[in-house]
PDB file of all heavy atoms in Angstrom:
ATOM      1  N   GLY A   1     243.070  89.533 201.806  1.00  0.00           N
ATOM      2  CA  GLY A   1     242.809  90.931 202.137  1.00  0.00           C
ATOM      3  C   GLY A   1     243.916  91.855 201.678  1.00  0.00           C
ATOM      4  O   GLY A   1     243.651  92.951 201.157  1.00  0.00           O
ATOM      5  N   LEU A   2     245.160  91.431 201.859  1.00  0.00           N
ATOM      6  CA  LEU A   2     246.287  92.249 201.412  1.00  0.00           C
ATOM      7  C   LEU A   2     246.298  92.366 199.894  1.00  0.00           C
ATOM      8  O   LEU A   2     246.532  93.457 199.345  1.00  0.00           O
ATOM      9  CB  LEU A   2     247.601  91.651 201.906  1.00  0.00           C
ATOM     10  CG  LEU A   2     248.883  92.363 201.459  1.00  0.00           C
ATOM     11  CD1 LEU A   2     248.869  93.835 201.848  1.00  0.00           C
ATOM     12  CD2 LEU A   2     250.106  91.655 202.038  1.00  0.00           C
ATOM     13  N   ALA A   3     246.025  91.264 199.197  1.00  0.00           N
ATOM     14  CA  ALA A   3     245.970  91.307 197.731  1.00  0.00           C
ATOM     15  C   ALA A   3     244.878  92.253 197.253  1.00  0.00           C
ATOM     16  O   ALA A   3     245.059  92.992 196.273  1.00  0.00           O
ATOM     17  CB  ALA A   3     245.748  89.900 197.170  1.00  0.00           C
ATOM     18  N   VAL A   4     243.740  92.251 197.943  1.00  0.00           N
ATOM     19  CA  VAL A   4     242.643  93.156 197.584  1.00  0.00           C
ATOM     20  C   VAL A   4     243.064  94.606 197.823  1.00  0.00           C
ATOM     21  O   VAL A   4     242.825  95.487 196.983  1.00  0.00           O
ATOM     22  CB  VAL A   4     241.375  92.814 198.392  1.00  0.00           C
ATOM     23  CG1 VAL A   4     240.313  93.887 198.217  1.00  0.00           C
ATOM     24  CG2 VAL A   4     240.831  91.457 197.959  1.00  0.00           C
ATOM     25  N   ALA A   5     243.699  94.869 198.956  1.00  0.00           N
ATOM     26  CA  ALA A   5     244.179  96.224 199.240  1.00  0.00           C
ATOM     27  C   ALA A   5     245.165  96.688 198.175  1.00  0.00           C
ATOM     28  O   ALA A   5     245.110  97.834 197.706  1.00  0.00           O
ATOM     29  CB  ALA A   5     244.821  96.268 200.625  1.00  0.00           C
ATOM     30  N   GLU A   6     246.059  95.814 197.780  1.00  0.00           N
ATOM     31  CA  GLU A   6     247.037  96.151 196.745  1.00  0.00           C
ATOM     32  C   GLU A   6     246.353  96.470 195.420  1.00  0.00           C
ATOM     33  O   GLU A   6     246.749  97.413 194.722  1.00  0.00           O
ATOM     34  CB  GLU A   6     248.027  94.995 196.569  1.00  0.00           C
ATOM     35  CG  GLU A   6     248.960  94.805 197.751  1.00  0.00           C
ATOM     36  CD  GLU A   6     249.775  93.522 197.661  1.00  0.00           C
ATOM     37  OE1 GLU A   6     249.361  92.592 196.936  1.00  0.00           O
ATOM     38  OE2 GLU A   6     250.809  93.432 198.343  1.00  0.00           O
ATOM     39  N   ALA A   7     245.334  95.691 195.071  1.00  0.00           N
ATOM     40  CA  ALA A   7     244.648  95.880 193.790  1.00  0.00           C
ATOM     41  C   ALA A   7     243.918  97.213 193.733  1.00  0.00           C
ATOM     42  O   ALA A   7     243.993  97.940 192.730  1.00  0.00           O
ATOM     43  CB  ALA A   7     243.672  94.722 193.553  1.00  0.00           C
ATOM     44  N   PHE A   8     243.205  97.561 194.801  1.00  0.00           N
ATOM     45  CA  PHE A   8     242.490  98.840 194.807  1.00  0.00           C
ATOM     46  C   PHE A   8     243.463 100.012 194.899  1.00  0.00           C
ATOM     47  O   PHE A   8     243.247 101.063 194.276  1.00  0.00           O
ATOM     48  CB  PHE A   8     241.464  98.882 195.937  1.00  0.00           C
ATOM     49  CG  PHE A   8     240.186  98.164 195.619  1.00  0.00           C
ATOM     50  CD1 PHE A   8     239.976  96.862 196.043  1.00  0.00           C
ATOM     51  CD2 PHE A   8     239.190  98.780 194.880  1.00  0.00           C
ATOM     52  CE1 PHE A   8     238.802  96.190 195.749  1.00  0.00           C
ATOM     53  CE2 PHE A   8     238.004  98.128 194.576  1.00  0.00           C
ATOM     54  CZ  PHE A   8     237.809  96.820 195.008  1.00  0.00           C
ATOM     55  N   SER A   9     244.537  99.857 195.648  1.00  0.00           N
ATOM     56  CA  SER A   9     245.561 100.894 195.712  1.00  0.00           C
ATOM     57  C   SER A   9     246.148 101.160 194.334  1.00  0.00           C
ATOM     58  O   SER A   9     246.371 102.322 193.951  1.00  0.00           O
ATOM     59  CB  SER A   9     246.669 100.481 196.684  1.00  0.00           C
ATOM     60  OG  SER A   9     247.761 101.368 196.620  1.00  0.00           O
ATOM     61  N   ALA A  10     246.393 100.095 193.573  1.00  0.00           N
ATOM     62  CA  ALA A  10     246.963 100.241 192.229  1.00  0.00           C
ATOM     63  C   ALA A  10     246.024 100.985 191.284  1.00  0.00           C
ATOM     64  O   ALA A  10     246.468 101.560 190.280  1.00  0.00           O
ATOM     65  CB  ALA A  10     247.304  98.865 191.654  1.00  0.00           C
ATOM     66  N   LYS A  11     244.724 100.985 191.603  1.00  0.00           N
ATOM     67  CA  LYS A  11     243.740 101.722 190.805  1.00  0.00           C
ATOM     68  C   LYS A  11     243.655 103.196 191.216  1.00  0.00           C
ATOM     69  O   LYS A  11     242.880 103.954 190.647  1.00  0.00           O
ATOM     70  CB  LYS A  11     242.363 101.071 190.946  1.00  0.00           C
ATOM     71  CG  LYS A  11     242.245  99.710 190.279  1.00  0.00           C
ATOM     72  CD  LYS A  11     242.301  99.825 188.771  1.00  0.00           C
ATOM     73  CE  LYS A  11     242.049  98.488 188.095  1.00  0.00           C
ATOM     74  NZ  LYS A  11     242.150  98.590 186.620  1.00  0.00           N
ATOM     75  N   GLY A  12     244.413 103.572 192.224  1.00  0.00           N
ATOM     76  CA  GLY A  12     244.385 104.953 192.684  1.00  0.00           C
ATOM     77  C   GLY A  12     243.368 105.238 193.761  1.00  0.00           C
ATOM     78  O   GLY A  12     243.112 106.409 194.087  1.00  0.00           O
ATOM     79  N   ASP A  13     242.782 104.181 194.344  1.00  0.00           N
ATOM     80  CA  ASP A  13     241.778 104.370 195.381  1.00  0.00           C
ATOM     81  C   ASP A  13     242.432 104.588 196.743  1.00  0.00           C
ATOM     82  O   ASP A  13     243.561 104.162 196.992  1.00  0.00           O
ATOM     83  CB  ASP A  13     240.863 103.144 195.458  1.00  0.00           C
ATOM     84  CG  ASP A  13     240.030 102.969 194.201  1.00  0.00           C
ATOM     85  OD1 ASP A  13     239.548 103.987 193.668  1.00  0.00           O
ATOM     86  OD2 ASP A  13     239.868 101.826 193.738  1.00  0.00           O
ATOM     87  N   ARG A  14     241.684 105.241 197.634  1.00  0.00           N
ATOM     88  CA  ARG A  14     242.100 105.344 199.026  1.00  0.00           C
ATOM     89  C   ARG A  14     241.608 104.097 199.736  1.00  0.00           C
ATOM     90  O   ARG A  14     240.409 103.826 199.756  1.00  0.00           O
ATOM     91  CB  ARG A  14     241.515 106.592 199.687  1.00  0.00           C
ATOM     92  CG  ARG A  14     241.876 106.711 201.167  1.00  0.00           C
ATOM     93  CD  ARG A  14     241.452 108.018 201.756  1.00  0.00           C
ATOM     94  NE  ARG A  14     242.222 109.125 201.186  1.00  0.00           N
ATOM     95  CZ  ARG A  14     243.458 109.454 201.566  1.00  0.00           C
ATOM     96  NH1 ARG A  14     244.082 108.744 202.489  1.00  0.00           N
ATOM     97  NH2 ARG A  14     244.063 110.489 201.020  1.00  0.00           N
ATOM     98  N   VAL A  15     242.521 103.334 200.304  1.00  0.00           N
ATOM     99  CA  VAL A  15     242.181 102.061 200.925  1.00  0.00           C
ATOM    100  C   VAL A  15     242.398 102.151 202.428  1.00  0.00           C
ATOM    101  O   VAL A  15     243.497 102.466 202.888  1.00  0.00           O
ATOM    102  CB  VAL A  15     243.029 100.910 200.344  1.00  0.00           C
ATOM    103  CG1 VAL A  15     242.651  99.588 201.008  1.00  0.00           C
ATOM    104  CG2 VAL A  15     242.852 100.813 198.828  1.00  0.00           C
ATOM    105  N   VAL A  16     241.342 101.868 203.178  1.00  0.00           N
ATOM    106  CA  VAL A  16     241.433 101.782 204.629  1.00  0.00           C
ATOM    107  C   VAL A  16     241.391 100.304 204.994  1.00  0.00           C
ATOM    108  O   VAL A  16     240.374  99.631 204.798  1.00  0.00           O
ATOM    109  CB  VAL A  16     240.285 102.540 205.314  1.00  0.00           C
ATOM    110  CG1 VAL A  16     240.397 102.426 206.825  1.00  0.00           C
ATOM    111  CG2 VAL A  16     240.277 104.005 204.876  1.00  0.00           C
ATOM    112  N   GLY A  17     242.523  99.791 205.480  1.00  0.00           N
ATOM    113  CA  GLY A  17     242.626  98.379 205.802  1.00  0.00           C
ATOM    114  C   GLY A  17     242.466  98.134 207.286  1.00  0.00           C
ATOM    115  O   GLY A  17     243.150  98.754 208.104  1.00  0.00           O
ATOM    116  N   LEU A  18     241.550  97.248 207.651  1.00  0.00           N
ATOM    117  CA  LEU A  18     241.317  96.900 209.046  1.00  0.00           C
ATOM    118  C   LEU A  18     241.871  95.510 209.334  1.00  0.00           C
ATOM    119  O   LEU A  18     241.733  94.596 208.518  1.00  0.00           O
ATOM    120  CB  LEU A  18     239.827  96.913 209.373  1.00  0.00           C
ATOM    121  CG  LEU A  18     238.991  98.119 208.926  1.00  0.00           C
ATOM    122  CD1 LEU A  18     237.572  97.985 209.459  1.00  0.00           C
ATOM    123  CD2 LEU A  18     239.622  99.418 209.361  1.00  0.00           C
ATOM    124  N   ASP A  19     242.480  95.350 210.488  1.00  0.00           N
ATOM    125  CA  ASP A  19     242.986  94.041 210.889  1.00  0.00           C
ATOM    126  C   ASP A  19     243.335  94.102 212.371  1.00  0.00           C
ATOM    127  O   ASP A  19     243.567  95.180 212.925  1.00  0.00           O
ATOM    128  CB  ASP A  19     244.230  93.654 210.078  1.00  0.00           C
ATOM    129  CG  ASP A  19     244.397  92.147 209.946  1.00  0.00           C
ATOM    130  OD1 ASP A  19     244.742  91.492 210.950  1.00  0.00           O
ATOM    131  OD2 ASP A  19     244.161  91.615 208.840  1.00  0.00           O
ATOM    132  N   VAL A  20     243.392  92.929 213.009  1.00  0.00           N
ATOM    133  CA  VAL A  20     243.824  92.877 214.407  1.00  0.00           C
ATOM    134  C   VAL A  20     245.345  92.838 214.519  1.00  0.00           C
ATOM    135  O   VAL A  20     245.887  93.054 215.596  1.00  0.00           O
ATOM    136  CB  VAL A  20     243.219  91.651 215.132  1.00  0.00           C
ATOM    137  CG1 VAL A  20     241.711  91.781 215.245  1.00  0.00           C
ATOM    138  CG2 VAL A  20     243.598  90.351 214.437  1.00  0.00           C
ATOM    139  N   ASP A  21     246.026  92.558 213.420  1.00  0.00           N
ATOM    140  CA  ASP A  21     247.489  92.437 213.411  1.00  0.00           C
ATOM    141  C   ASP A  21     248.116  93.794 213.094  1.00  0.00           C
ATOM    142  O   ASP A  21     248.365  94.127 211.932  1.00  0.00           O
ATOM    143  CB  ASP A  21     247.915  91.384 212.395  1.00  0.00           C
ATOM    144  CG  ASP A  21     249.385  91.020 212.479  1.00  0.00           C
ATOM    145  OD1 ASP A  21     250.157  91.826 213.039  1.00  0.00           O
ATOM    146  OD2 ASP A  21     249.768  89.943 211.988  1.00  0.00           O
ATOM    147  N   GLY A  22     248.375  94.566 214.126  1.00  0.00           N
ATOM    148  CA  GLY A  22     248.915  95.898 213.917  1.00  0.00           C
ATOM    149  C   GLY A  22     250.298  95.899 213.303  1.00  0.00           C
ATOM    150  O   GLY A  22     250.614  96.751 212.463  1.00  0.00           O
ATOM    151  N   ALA A  23     251.135  94.950 213.678  1.00  0.00           N
ATOM    152  CA  ALA A  23     252.496  94.899 213.133  1.00  0.00           C
ATOM    153  C   ALA A  23     252.471  94.658 211.634  1.00  0.00           C
ATOM    154  O   ALA A  23     253.212  95.296 210.874  1.00  0.00           O
ATOM    155  CB  ALA A  23     253.304  93.812 213.834  1.00  0.00           C
ATOM    156  N   ALA A  24     251.616  93.741 211.193  1.00  0.00           N
ATOM    157  CA  ALA A  24     251.513  93.463 209.755  1.00  0.00           C
ATOM    158  C   ALA A  24     250.943  94.657 209.004  1.00  0.00           C
ATOM    159  O   ALA A  24     251.380  94.968 207.895  1.00  0.00           O
ATOM    160  CB  ALA A  24     250.658  92.218 209.517  1.00  0.00           C
ATOM    161  N   LEU A  25     249.965  95.331 209.597  1.00  0.00           N
ATOM    162  CA  LEU A  25     249.410  96.531 208.967  1.00  0.00           C
ATOM    163  C   LEU A  25     250.475  97.607 208.808  1.00  0.00           C
ATOM    164  O   LEU A  25     250.575  98.260 207.759  1.00  0.00           O
ATOM    165  CB  LEU A  25     248.256  97.094 209.802  1.00  0.00           C
ATOM    166  CG  LEU A  25     246.877  96.457 209.683  1.00  0.00           C
ATOM    167  CD1 LEU A  25     245.912  97.152 210.624  1.00  0.00           C
ATOM    168  CD2 LEU A  25     246.350  96.499 208.255  1.00  0.00           C
ATOM    169  N   ASN A  26     251.288  97.799 209.837  1.00  0.00           N
ATOM    170  CA  ASN A  26     252.315  98.836 209.799  1.00  0.00           C
ATOM    171  C   ASN A  26     253.378  98.558 208.746  1.00  0.00           C
ATOM    172  O   ASN A  26     254.061  99.483 208.285  1.00  0.00           O
ATOM    173  CB  ASN A  26     252.977  98.979 211.174  1.00  0.00           C
ATOM    174  CG  ASN A  26     252.050  99.614 212.192  1.00  0.00           C
ATOM    175  OD1 ASN A  26     251.127 100.333 211.843  1.00  0.00           O
ATOM    176  ND2 ASN A  26     252.281  99.328 213.468  1.00  0.00           N
ATOM    177  N   ALA A  27     253.522  97.292 208.363  1.00  0.00           N
ATOM    178  CA  ALA A  27     254.531  96.928 207.367  1.00  0.00           C
ATOM    179  C   ALA A  27     254.050  97.156 205.934  1.00  0.00           C
ATOM    180  O   ALA A  27     254.836  97.053 204.991  1.00  0.00           O
ATOM    181  CB  ALA A  27     254.923  95.462 207.544  1.00  0.00           C
ATOM    182  N   ILE A  28     252.762  97.472 205.761  1.00  0.00           N
ATOM    183  CA  ILE A  28     252.211  97.671 204.419  1.00  0.00           C
ATOM    184  C   ILE A  28     252.546  99.076 203.931  1.00  0.00           C
ATOM    185  O   ILE A  28     252.245 100.061 204.600  1.00  0.00           O
ATOM    186  CB  ILE A  28     250.685  97.447 204.420  1.00  0.00           C
ATOM    187  CG1 ILE A  28     250.365  96.008 204.818  1.00  0.00           C
ATOM    188  CG2 ILE A  28     250.089  97.763 203.050  1.00  0.00           C
ATOM    189  CD1 ILE A  28     248.880  95.750 205.035  1.00  0.00           C
ATOM    190  N   ASP A  29     253.149  99.146 202.762  1.00  0.00           N
ATOM    191  CA  ASP A  29     253.520 100.434 202.169  1.00  0.00           C
ATOM    192  C   ASP A  29     252.911 100.524 200.779  1.00  0.00           C
ATOM    193  O   ASP A  29     253.484 100.067 199.791  1.00  0.00           O
ATOM    194  CB  ASP A  29     255.048 100.543 202.092  1.00  0.00           C
ATOM    195  CG  ASP A  29     255.502 101.903 201.551  1.00  0.00           C
ATOM    196  OD1 ASP A  29     254.675 102.829 201.522  1.00  0.00           O
ATOM    197  OD2 ASP A  29     256.682 102.014 201.145  1.00  0.00           O
ATOM    198  N   LEU A  30     251.702 101.083 200.727  1.00  0.00           N
ATOM    199  CA  LEU A  30     250.970 101.203 199.471  1.00  0.00           C
ATOM    200  C   LEU A  30     250.479 102.635 199.317  1.00  0.00           C
ATOM    201  O   LEU A  30     250.081 103.266 200.291  1.00  0.00           O
ATOM    202  CB  LEU A  30     249.748 100.268 199.460  1.00  0.00           C
ATOM    203  CG  LEU A  30     249.984  98.766 199.502  1.00  0.00           C
ATOM    204  CD1 LEU A  30     248.658  98.043 199.720  1.00  0.00           C
ATOM    205  CD2 LEU A  30     250.645  98.285 198.211  1.00  0.00           C
ATOM    206  N   PRO A  31     250.457 103.156 198.097  1.00  0.00           N
ATOM    207  CA  PRO A  31     249.899 104.502 197.890  1.00  0.00           C
ATOM    208  C   PRO A  31     248.447 104.574 198.339  1.00  0.00           C
ATOM    209  O   PRO A  31     247.646 103.699 198.006  1.00  0.00           O
ATOM    210  CB  PRO A  31     250.016 104.694 196.370  1.00  0.00           C
ATOM    211  CG  PRO A  31     251.079 103.745 195.938  1.00  0.00           C
ATOM    212  CD  PRO A  31     250.973 102.558 196.849  1.00  0.00           C
ATOM    213  N   GLY A  32     248.116 105.585 199.114  1.00  0.00           N
ATOM    214  CA  GLY A  32     246.739 105.785 199.537  1.00  0.00           C
ATOM    215  C   GLY A  32     246.231 104.801 200.562  1.00  0.00           C
ATOM    216  O   GLY A  32     245.024 104.730 200.812  1.00  0.00           O
ATOM    217  N   PHE A  33     247.140 104.032 201.198  1.00  0.00           N
ATOM    218  CA  PHE A  33     246.707 103.011 202.162  1.00  0.00           C
ATOM    219  C   PHE A  33     246.819 103.533 203.581  1.00  0.00           C
ATOM    220  O   PHE A  33     247.815 104.153 203.959  1.00  0.00           O
ATOM    221  CB  PHE A  33     247.547 101.742 202.035  1.00  0.00           C
ATOM    222  CG  PHE A  33     247.159 100.665 203.023  1.00  0.00           C
ATOM    223  CD1 PHE A  33     246.120  99.805 202.748  1.00  0.00           C
ATOM    224  CD2 PHE A  33     247.841 100.527 204.235  1.00  0.00           C
ATOM    225  CE1 PHE A  33     245.748  98.819 203.661  1.00  0.00           C
ATOM    226  CE2 PHE A  33     247.486  99.548 205.144  1.00  0.00           C
ATOM    227  CZ  PHE A  33     246.438  98.686 204.861  1.00  0.00           C
ATOM    228  N   GLU A  34     245.780 103.257 204.361  1.00  0.00           N
ATOM    229  CA  GLU A  34     245.778 103.587 205.783  1.00  0.00           C
ATOM    230  C   GLU A  34     245.372 102.341 206.558  1.00  0.00           C
ATOM    231  O   GLU A  34     244.316 101.760 206.310  1.00  0.00           O
ATOM    232  CB  GLU A  34     244.773 104.714 206.048  1.00  0.00           C
ATOM    233  CG  GLU A  34     244.558 105.020 207.519  1.00  0.00           C
ATOM    234  CD  GLU A  34     243.407 105.986 207.752  1.00  0.00           C
ATOM    235  OE1 GLU A  34     242.799 106.448 206.753  1.00  0.00           O
ATOM    236  OE2 GLU A  34     243.113 106.267 208.917  1.00  0.00           O
ATOM    237  N   GLY A  35     246.206 101.905 207.488  1.00  0.00           N
ATOM    238  CA  GLY A  35     245.894 100.737 208.299  1.00  0.00           C
ATOM    239  C   GLY A  35     245.321 101.136 209.643  1.00  0.00           C
ATOM    240  O   GLY A  35     245.824 102.051 210.298  1.00  0.00           O
ATOM    241  N   ILE A  36     244.263 100.467 210.054  1.00  0.00           N
ATOM    242  CA  ILE A  36     243.635 100.716 211.354  1.00  0.00           C
ATOM    243  C   ILE A  36     243.486  99.383 212.073  1.00  0.00           C
ATOM    244  O   ILE A  36     242.879  98.444 211.542  1.00  0.00           O
ATOM    245  CB  ILE A  36     242.258 101.380 211.211  1.00  0.00           C
ATOM    246  CG1 ILE A  36     242.383 102.746 210.514  1.00  0.00           C
ATOM    247  CG2 ILE A  36     241.590 101.537 212.565  1.00  0.00           C
ATOM    248  CD1 ILE A  36     241.054 103.431 210.261  1.00  0.00           C
TER     249      ILE A  36
END
């Protein structure tokens, strides 16, 4: 899932990432990425 988020982010897309692991989501720093 993280690799997929990275790939779409690299294409300039807005990525909304869902996961139960809030700490891991908060550690993601990608352009256009929003963790929920």
